[in-house]
Protein backbone atom coordinates (compact mmCIF):
# COMPACT_ATOMS: atom_id res chain seq x y z
CA MET A 1 -22.01 -12.46 20.41
CA GLU A 2 -24.65 -10.50 18.51
CA ASP A 3 -23.97 -8.90 15.17
CA ARG A 4 -23.29 -5.19 15.35
CA PRO A 5 -24.40 -2.90 12.51
CA SER A 6 -21.64 -2.05 10.07
CA PRO A 7 -20.20 1.48 10.34
CA GLU A 8 -21.60 2.25 6.88
CA SER A 9 -25.12 1.51 8.11
CA VAL A 10 -24.92 3.94 11.03
CA GLY A 11 -23.44 6.91 9.18
CA ALA A 12 -19.79 6.46 10.21
CA PRO A 13 -17.09 6.89 7.55
CA ALA A 14 -16.81 3.86 5.27
CA PHE A 15 -13.75 1.72 5.75
CA LEU A 16 -11.06 2.24 3.13
CA THR A 17 -9.52 -1.21 2.60
CA GLY A 18 -8.33 -1.42 -1.02
CA ARG A 19 -8.26 2.34 -1.60
CA ALA A 20 -5.20 4.56 -1.81
CA LEU A 21 -4.42 7.58 0.34
CA ILE A 22 -2.81 10.60 -1.33
CA ALA A 23 -0.94 12.95 0.98
CA MET A 24 -2.07 16.57 0.81
CA PRO A 25 0.56 19.32 0.60
CA GLY A 26 1.50 20.58 4.04
CA ILE A 27 1.17 17.19 5.75
CA ASP A 28 2.80 17.57 9.16
CA ASP A 29 4.79 14.33 8.98
CA PRO A 30 7.74 14.56 6.53
CA ARG A 31 7.86 10.73 6.35
CA PHE A 32 4.62 10.86 4.36
CA GLU A 33 5.20 13.95 2.22
CA ARG A 34 3.86 13.33 -1.33
CA SER A 35 3.19 9.71 -0.44
CA VAL A 36 0.64 7.33 -1.91
CA ILE A 37 -0.44 4.56 0.47
CA LEU A 38 -2.46 1.44 -0.27
CA ILE A 39 -4.81 0.69 2.63
CA CYS A 40 -4.48 -3.06 3.17
CA ALA A 41 -6.70 -3.33 6.25
CA HIS A 42 -9.11 -0.91 7.91
CA ASN A 43 -11.72 -1.49 10.58
CA ALA A 44 -13.06 0.23 13.69
CA ASP A 45 -9.92 -0.63 15.67
CA HIS A 46 -7.05 0.17 13.32
CA ALA A 47 -5.83 0.80 9.78
CA MET A 48 -2.71 -0.53 8.07
CA GLY A 49 -1.22 0.49 4.74
CA LEU A 50 1.89 0.34 2.57
CA VAL A 51 3.56 3.31 0.90
CA LEU A 52 3.70 2.73 -2.87
CA ASN A 53 6.23 5.38 -3.91
CA ARG A 54 9.25 5.11 -1.59
CA PRO A 55 11.73 2.67 -3.17
CA LEU A 56 14.84 1.61 -1.27
CA ASP A 57 17.40 2.38 -3.97
CA ASP A 58 19.99 -0.15 -2.85
CA LEU A 59 17.67 -3.11 -2.24
CA THR A 60 16.09 -5.33 -4.91
CA VAL A 61 13.62 -8.20 -4.65
CA PRO A 62 16.14 -10.77 -6.01
CA SER A 63 18.75 -9.68 -3.43
CA VAL A 64 16.24 -10.05 -0.57
CA LEU A 65 15.23 -13.52 -1.77
CA GLU A 66 18.89 -14.52 -1.98
CA LYS A 67 19.56 -13.25 1.57
CA LEU A 68 16.60 -15.29 2.82
CA GLY A 69 17.79 -18.44 1.06
CA VAL A 70 14.93 -18.53 -1.46
CA LYS A 71 16.25 -20.20 -4.62
CA SER A 72 14.77 -18.69 -7.77
CA GLN A 73 13.69 -20.97 -10.61
CA ILE A 74 13.38 -18.00 -12.97
CA ALA A 75 15.28 -14.82 -13.79
CA LEU A 76 13.59 -12.27 -11.55
CA PRO A 77 13.41 -8.63 -12.66
CA PRO A 78 15.46 -6.30 -10.44
CA ASP A 79 12.38 -4.67 -8.89
CA LEU A 80 13.19 -2.36 -6.01
CA VAL A 81 11.91 -3.10 -2.52
CA LEU A 82 9.68 -0.34 -1.11
CA LEU A 83 9.80 1.34 2.28
CA GLY A 84 6.22 0.50 3.24
CA GLY A 85 6.19 2.73 6.30
CA PRO A 86 7.92 3.58 9.58
CA VAL A 87 6.51 0.72 11.67
CA GLU A 88 8.40 -2.63 11.92
CA ARG A 89 10.79 -1.77 9.11
CA GLU A 90 12.51 -5.15 9.32
CA ARG A 91 9.24 -6.96 8.49
CA GLY A 92 8.32 -7.76 4.88
CA PHE A 93 4.91 -7.55 3.21
CA VAL A 94 3.98 -8.59 -0.32
CA VAL A 95 0.96 -7.11 -2.08
CA HIS A 96 0.07 -9.27 -5.04
CA THR A 97 -2.64 -10.12 -7.52
CA SER A 98 -5.10 -12.68 -6.17
CA ASP A 99 -4.16 -15.33 -8.75
CA TYR A 100 -1.80 -16.44 -5.95
CA LEU A 101 -3.24 -17.05 -2.48
CA CYS A 102 -1.81 -18.93 0.47
CA PRO A 103 -4.92 -20.27 2.24
CA ASP A 104 -3.47 -19.93 5.74
CA THR A 105 -1.65 -16.61 5.50
CA SER A 106 -2.95 -14.42 2.65
CA THR A 107 -5.29 -11.56 3.55
CA ILE A 108 -7.78 -10.51 0.90
CA ILE A 109 -7.64 -6.76 0.20
CA THR A 110 -10.02 -6.65 -2.79
CA LYS A 111 -11.36 -9.16 -5.28
CA SER A 112 -8.14 -8.81 -7.29
CA LEU A 113 -5.55 -8.02 -4.57
CA ALA A 114 -4.14 -9.78 -1.53
CA LEU A 115 -1.44 -9.29 1.10
CA THR A 116 0.89 -12.05 2.30
CA ALA A 117 3.63 -11.60 4.89
CA THR A 118 5.18 -15.08 5.01
CA LYS A 119 8.03 -16.76 3.16
CA ASP A 120 5.49 -18.78 1.11
CA VAL A 121 4.79 -15.83 -1.16
CA LEU A 122 8.50 -15.17 -1.75
CA GLU A 123 8.94 -18.78 -2.83
CA ALA A 124 5.94 -18.39 -5.15
CA MET A 125 7.41 -15.19 -6.65
CA ALA A 126 10.57 -17.14 -7.49
CA SER A 127 8.76 -20.10 -9.06
CA HIS A 128 7.70 -20.94 -12.62
CA ASN A 129 4.07 -21.77 -12.06
CA ARG A 130 2.90 -20.31 -8.73
CA ARG A 131 4.13 -16.77 -9.29
CA PRO A 132 1.49 -14.02 -8.92
CA ARG A 133 0.96 -11.99 -12.08
CA ARG A 134 1.95 -8.74 -10.31
CA SER A 135 3.55 -8.16 -6.91
CA LEU A 136 5.49 -5.69 -4.79
CA LEU A 137 7.63 -6.24 -1.71
CA ALA A 138 7.70 -3.63 1.05
CA LEU A 139 9.54 -3.42 4.36
CA GLY A 140 7.60 -1.83 7.20
CA TYR A 141 4.11 -0.39 7.18
CA ALA A 142 2.06 2.66 8.12
CA GLY A 143 -0.43 2.19 10.94
CA TRP A 144 -3.27 4.14 12.57
CA GLY A 145 -5.16 3.55 15.82
CA ALA A 146 -8.93 3.51 16.26
CA GLY A 147 -10.51 6.52 14.53
CA GLN A 148 -7.15 8.14 13.73
CA LEU A 149 -7.27 7.75 9.95
CA GLU A 150 -10.88 8.92 9.83
CA ARG A 151 -9.90 12.07 11.76
CA GLU A 152 -6.96 12.74 9.44
CA ILE A 153 -9.24 12.45 6.39
CA ARG A 154 -11.77 14.83 7.98
CA ASP A 155 -8.87 17.23 8.62
CA ASN A 156 -7.89 17.10 4.91
CA VAL A 157 -4.56 15.36 5.51
CA TRP A 158 -5.40 12.77 2.82
CA LEU A 159 -7.38 12.41 -0.37
CA THR A 160 -8.46 8.91 -1.44
CA CYS A 161 -8.66 7.20 -4.82
CA ASP A 162 -9.18 3.75 -6.32
CA PRO A 163 -5.71 2.58 -7.39
CA ASP A 164 -5.18 0.89 -10.73
CA GLU A 165 -2.40 -1.62 -11.41
CA LEU A 166 -0.06 1.07 -12.75
CA LEU A 167 -0.35 3.00 -9.50
CA LEU A 168 0.06 -0.16 -7.44
CA PHE A 169 2.79 -1.99 -9.31
CA GLY A 170 4.32 0.54 -11.72
CA HIS A 171 7.93 1.63 -11.30
CA ASP A 172 7.55 5.37 -11.98
CA TYR A 173 7.87 6.19 -8.30
CA ASP A 174 8.68 9.87 -8.85
CA HIS A 175 5.33 10.48 -10.52
CA LYS A 176 2.95 8.23 -8.58
CA TRP A 177 1.74 11.08 -6.36
CA ALA A 178 0.84 13.21 -9.40
CA MET A 179 -0.67 10.15 -11.11
CA ALA A 180 -2.87 9.44 -8.09
CA LEU A 181 -4.04 13.06 -8.02
CA GLY A 182 -4.64 12.92 -11.76
CA SER A 183 -6.98 9.96 -11.28
CA LEU A 184 -9.20 12.40 -9.34
CA GLY A 185 -8.88 15.12 -11.98
CA VAL A 186 -6.62 17.19 -9.69
CA SER A 187 -3.21 18.60 -10.59
CA PRO A 188 -0.44 19.21 -8.02
CA THR A 189 -0.39 22.89 -8.97
CA GLN A 190 -4.07 23.26 -8.04
CA LEU A 191 -3.38 21.77 -4.62
CA ALA A 192 -0.36 24.01 -4.05
CA VAL A 193 -2.55 27.07 -4.65
CA GLN A 194 -5.29 25.80 -2.30
CA ALA A 195 -2.78 24.89 0.40
CA GLY A 196 -1.43 28.44 0.30
CA ARG A 197 -4.82 29.99 1.11
CA ALA A 198 -5.86 30.78 4.67
């Protein structure tokens, strides 16, 4: 099979793996209103991401580990599990710093971030010496078909930014949308005014 030119080299939109989507006001889908989504994978065929600011208030990481029979060697903080998106909501995904990698199952997102969706990472999170420095657990994901995310960005459904660790792993879920906009020098009030114009 011959190598095809990358989309970047032929003028197509660059792929967004590792960047965050910020929902614009007036997004048609209420499931994504004021959401911030980390794009974990993006290529010509599909895109997959996890919502960073929708905690499941009654579900913590330690309780999930206990339900799955993962014995913790340390006292885990009561971090909330996130609703990563509407697709496969019973399936878990862990985004974590790349100081932990499972060679067979971790997917590299960026130089410093990875995604693992197997029990290995949960066992590492509960251990003394294999634990990633930062991590989040989400149930479900957001998905797009070929070209769909690119069209939505062209239609001004999303802005994009480079997420920092506070945006990725911080617990101030109520303000992550405004924080993400702020990283672009945009305030929510500016967007509300623009969205109201014809």
